Protein backbone atom coordinates (compact mmCIF):
# COMPACT_ATOMS: atom_id res chain seq x y z
CA MET A 1 18.68 11.86 -27.14
CA ASN A 2 17.66 9.37 -24.47
CA ASP A 3 14.47 9.13 -22.46
CA PHE A 4 14.10 8.03 -18.85
CA SER A 5 13.88 4.31 -19.49
CA ASP A 6 16.73 2.72 -17.52
CA THR A 7 16.62 2.01 -13.79
CA PRO A 8 18.86 0.00 -11.46
CA ILE A 9 16.17 -2.69 -11.12
CA SER A 10 13.94 -4.37 -13.68
CA ILE A 11 10.95 -2.05 -13.94
CA SER A 12 9.25 -0.70 -17.05
CA THR A 13 8.90 2.96 -17.93
CA GLN A 14 5.12 2.56 -17.78
CA ALA A 15 5.35 1.15 -14.24
CA LEU A 16 7.61 4.03 -13.19
CA GLU A 17 5.05 6.50 -14.51
CA ARG A 18 2.34 4.85 -12.41
CA MET A 19 4.40 4.86 -9.18
CA PRO A 20 3.70 8.54 -8.29
CA TYR A 21 -0.04 7.86 -8.50
CA TYR A 22 0.37 4.87 -6.19
CA LEU A 23 2.39 7.00 -3.80
CA GLN A 24 -0.18 9.78 -3.69
CA HIS A 25 -2.92 7.27 -2.91
CA LEU A 26 -0.85 5.40 -0.31
CA LYS A 27 0.06 8.61 1.49
CA GLN A 28 -3.59 9.62 1.63
CA LEU A 29 -4.48 6.21 3.09
CA GLN A 30 -1.68 6.61 5.63
CA LYS A 31 -3.15 9.96 6.72
CA GLU A 32 -6.49 8.20 7.22
CA GLY A 33 -4.87 5.65 9.52
CA VAL A 34 -4.75 2.70 7.10
CA THR A 35 -1.64 0.56 7.72
CA ILE A 36 -1.99 -2.40 5.34
CA ILE A 37 -3.15 -2.50 1.71
CA ALA A 38 -3.45 -5.32 -0.83
CA SER A 39 -2.87 -4.92 -4.55
CA PRO A 40 -6.53 -5.72 -5.46
CA ALA A 41 -7.63 -2.85 -3.20
CA ILE A 42 -5.16 -0.46 -4.82
CA ALA A 43 -6.35 -1.54 -8.25
CA ALA A 44 -9.99 -0.98 -7.28
CA ASP A 45 -9.30 2.41 -5.68
CA LEU A 46 -7.41 3.69 -8.73
CA SER A 47 -9.53 1.90 -11.38
CA LEU A 48 -6.50 0.00 -12.66
CA ASN A 49 -6.07 -3.55 -13.84
CA GLU A 50 -5.41 -5.83 -10.85
CA VAL A 51 -2.80 -7.92 -12.68
CA GLN A 52 -1.00 -4.75 -13.73
CA VAL A 53 -0.90 -3.43 -10.18
CA ARG A 54 0.32 -6.76 -8.83
CA LYS A 55 3.15 -6.79 -11.41
CA ASP A 56 4.06 -3.20 -10.57
CA LEU A 57 4.36 -3.99 -6.87
CA ALA A 58 6.28 -7.19 -7.60
CA ALA A 59 8.80 -5.05 -9.49
CA VAL A 60 9.51 -3.21 -6.26
CA SER A 61 11.82 -6.07 -5.44
CA THR A 62 12.93 -5.06 -1.93
CA LEU A 63 9.42 -5.40 -0.52
CA LYS A 64 8.46 -8.30 1.75
CA GLY A 65 4.76 -8.46 1.26
CA LYS A 66 1.99 -10.55 -0.24
CA PRO A 67 0.12 -8.79 -3.05
CA LYS A 68 -3.28 -10.29 -2.12
CA SER A 69 -3.03 -10.29 1.69
CA GLY A 70 -1.39 -6.90 1.91
CA PHE A 71 1.69 -4.72 2.15
CA ILE A 72 2.59 -2.53 5.11
CA ILE A 73 1.89 0.95 3.76
CA PRO A 74 4.86 2.83 5.31
CA ASP A 75 7.24 0.18 3.96
CA LEU A 76 5.60 0.30 0.54
CA ILE A 77 5.86 4.08 0.46
CA TYR A 78 9.52 4.01 1.48
CA ASN A 79 10.48 1.45 -1.16
CA MET A 80 8.63 3.23 -3.94
CA GLU A 81 10.25 6.54 -3.03
CA ASP A 82 13.63 4.83 -2.92
CA ILE A 83 13.20 3.36 -6.41
CA LEU A 84 12.08 6.73 -7.76
CA GLY A 85 15.10 8.41 -6.17
CA TYR A 86 13.03 10.66 -3.90
CA HIS A 87 15.34 10.05 -0.94
CA ASN A 88 18.29 11.67 -2.70
CA VAL A 89 17.65 15.39 -3.12
CA LYS A 90 18.82 16.57 -6.52
CA ASP A 91 19.58 20.21 -7.18
CA ALA A 92 18.24 21.65 -10.43
CA VAL A 93 18.16 24.92 -12.34
CA LEU A 94 15.30 26.33 -14.37
CA VAL A 95 15.75 28.42 -17.51
CA GLY A 96 12.86 30.65 -18.50
CA ALA A 97 11.12 32.46 -15.65
CA GLY A 98 8.00 33.48 -17.56
CA TYR A 99 4.48 32.27 -16.84
CA LEU A 100 5.29 28.55 -17.14
CA GLY A 101 8.63 28.87 -15.40
CA SER A 102 7.10 30.84 -12.54
CA ALA A 103 4.42 28.18 -12.12
CA LEU A 104 7.09 25.49 -11.91
CA LEU A 105 9.07 27.53 -9.39
CA SER A 106 5.97 27.88 -7.21
CA TYR A 107 5.17 24.16 -7.22
CA LYS A 108 5.79 22.77 -3.74
CA GLY A 109 5.66 19.13 -4.75
CA PHE A 110 9.18 18.97 -6.20
CA ASP A 111 10.83 18.79 -2.79
CA SER A 112 8.88 15.66 -1.89
CA CYS A 113 10.02 14.15 -5.19
CA GLY A 114 13.68 14.71 -4.37
CA MET A 115 14.27 17.74 -6.60
CA HIS A 116 15.26 21.21 -5.38
CA ILE A 117 15.36 24.12 -7.82
CA VAL A 118 18.23 26.28 -6.61
CA ALA A 119 17.99 29.13 -9.15
CA ALA A 120 16.20 30.41 -12.24
CA PHE A 121 17.70 32.04 -15.33
CA ASP A 122 16.26 34.45 -17.88
CA ILE A 123 17.19 37.06 -20.49
CA ASN A 124 14.53 39.56 -19.39
CA ASP A 125 16.23 42.47 -17.60
CA THR A 126 13.01 43.37 -15.79
CA ILE A 127 13.00 40.15 -13.78
CA ILE A 128 16.74 39.45 -13.53
CA GLY A 129 17.80 40.10 -9.95
CA THR A 130 14.32 39.52 -8.55
CA GLU A 131 13.10 36.45 -6.69
CA ILE A 132 10.23 34.14 -7.59
CA CYS A 133 9.02 31.98 -4.71
CA GLY A 134 12.36 32.48 -3.01
CA LYS A 135 14.40 31.55 -6.10
CA LYS A 136 16.82 34.14 -7.45
CA VAL A 137 16.50 34.96 -11.16
CA LEU A 138 19.94 35.23 -12.74
CA PRO A 139 21.12 36.26 -16.22
CA VAL A 140 21.29 33.31 -18.60
CA ASN A 141 24.90 34.11 -19.55
CA LYS A 142 25.90 32.83 -16.12
CA LEU A 143 24.10 29.51 -16.61
CA SER A 144 26.97 27.22 -17.63
CA GLY A 145 29.39 28.58 -15.06
CA ILE A 146 26.99 28.30 -12.13
CA CYS A 147 25.98 24.76 -13.14
CA ARG A 148 29.64 23.72 -13.17
CA ARG A 149 30.48 25.51 -9.93
CA MET A 150 27.49 24.11 -8.03
CA ASN A 151 27.74 20.67 -9.65
CA ILE A 152 24.13 20.85 -10.89
CA HIS A 153 23.00 17.84 -12.92
CA ILE A 154 19.35 18.62 -13.77
CA GLY A 155 18.19 21.43 -16.04
CA ILE A 156 14.59 22.48 -16.70
CA ILE A 157 13.86 24.28 -19.96
CA ALA A 158 10.79 26.55 -20.00
CA VAL A 159 11.73 28.94 -22.80
CA PRO A 160 10.17 29.54 -26.25
CA GLU A 161 10.88 27.02 -28.98
CA ASP A 162 13.39 29.17 -30.83
CA GLN A 163 15.57 29.54 -27.72
CA ALA A 164 15.42 25.97 -26.44
CA GLN A 165 18.35 24.44 -28.35
CA THR A 166 20.68 27.28 -27.37
CA VAL A 167 19.70 26.87 -23.72
CA CYS A 168 20.13 23.12 -24.04
CA ASP A 169 23.67 23.59 -25.37
CA GLN A 170 24.49 25.90 -22.45
CA LEU A 171 23.19 23.34 -19.96
CA VAL A 172 25.25 20.59 -21.54
CA ALA A 173 28.32 22.84 -21.46
CA GLY A 174 27.66 23.33 -17.76
CA GLY A 175 27.78 19.60 -17.04
CA ILE A 176 24.04 18.93 -16.92
CA MET A 177 23.24 15.21 -17.21
CA ALA A 178 19.43 15.31 -17.41
CA ILE A 179 17.06 17.81 -19.04
CA TRP A 180 13.35 18.27 -18.43
CA ASN A 181 12.14 20.04 -21.56
CA PHE A 182 8.87 21.99 -21.75
CA ALA A 183 9.63 23.59 -25.12
CA PRO A 184 7.79 22.02 -28.10
CA ILE A 185 10.96 21.02 -29.93
CA HIS A 186 13.21 18.00 -30.31
CA LEU A 187 16.53 18.77 -28.62
CA ASN A 188 19.82 17.57 -30.06
CA THR A 189 22.04 16.32 -27.25
CA PRO A 190 24.93 13.91 -26.74
CA GLU A 191 23.88 10.30 -26.17
CA THR A 192 24.93 10.56 -22.53
CA ILE A 193 22.31 13.24 -21.78
CA MET A 194 18.83 12.15 -20.67
CA VAL A 195 15.97 14.28 -22.00
CA LYS A 196 12.32 14.08 -20.92
CA SER A 197 10.09 16.29 -23.03
CA GLU A 198 6.61 17.45 -22.06
CA ASN A 199 4.86 18.26 -25.33
CA MET A 200 1.59 19.93 -24.39
CA ALA A 201 0.48 20.26 -28.02
CA ALA A 202 0.89 16.51 -28.54
CA SER A 203 -1.09 15.77 -25.38
CA LEU A 204 -3.84 18.14 -26.47
CA ALA A 205 -3.94 16.47 -29.89
CA ILE A 206 -4.54 13.08 -28.24
CA LEU A 207 -7.31 14.52 -26.08
CA SER A 208 -8.89 16.27 -29.07
CA LYS A 209 -8.79 13.11 -31.17
CA HIS A 210 -10.42 11.12 -28.36
CA LEU A 211 -13.11 13.77 -27.95
CA GLN A 212 -13.75 13.85 -31.70
CA GLU A 213 -14.25 10.08 -31.79
CA LYS A 214 -16.60 10.15 -28.79
CA ILE A 215 -18.71 12.91 -30.36
CA LYS A 216 -19.00 10.91 -33.59
CA GLN A 217 -20.16 7.87 -31.63
CA SER A 218 -22.83 9.80 -29.73
């Protein structure tokens, strides 16, 4: 299994994870009529380390700006979106149209991030054939064939833990190259498949541990 750690230019995974937060802030500034921003101002606005922000912006190598005197915001936005691949819309499928899957299908922000969910899949006969936020819910036994026929390369897994590996295998058989996994399980995949897992239990454990330590200190 691989994680999203390789990019065409030299930029760390941590910097990539910060880019969407920069983008959200820059777009808000743009709406307010701000046209130029310096890295110290971004750092102050987002409560980040100034050196870290300056390095992050320097990694966006196509930019012609001066970190301290300022970058032109529309250019900065464009280059960040380009590095993140937002300019190339990528079709995706989602497997598991329950509560979590339905929430993901209803999220409008994916389009602005360059991802378009074209269909959902499930094993529940009561929702197969229906639409959720304009997305058709199809039987999961058609998953591999539709992925191959439509040349889909991204699969989103939002099924229970005990079904996740089977779904993963079906996605791989359908030619999927990248998997966004919301099931709390390690997926076994070929080395060529990228997997990004969102483990909510692990995140909650980190928050709980932090809270426990703060309570002890108080």
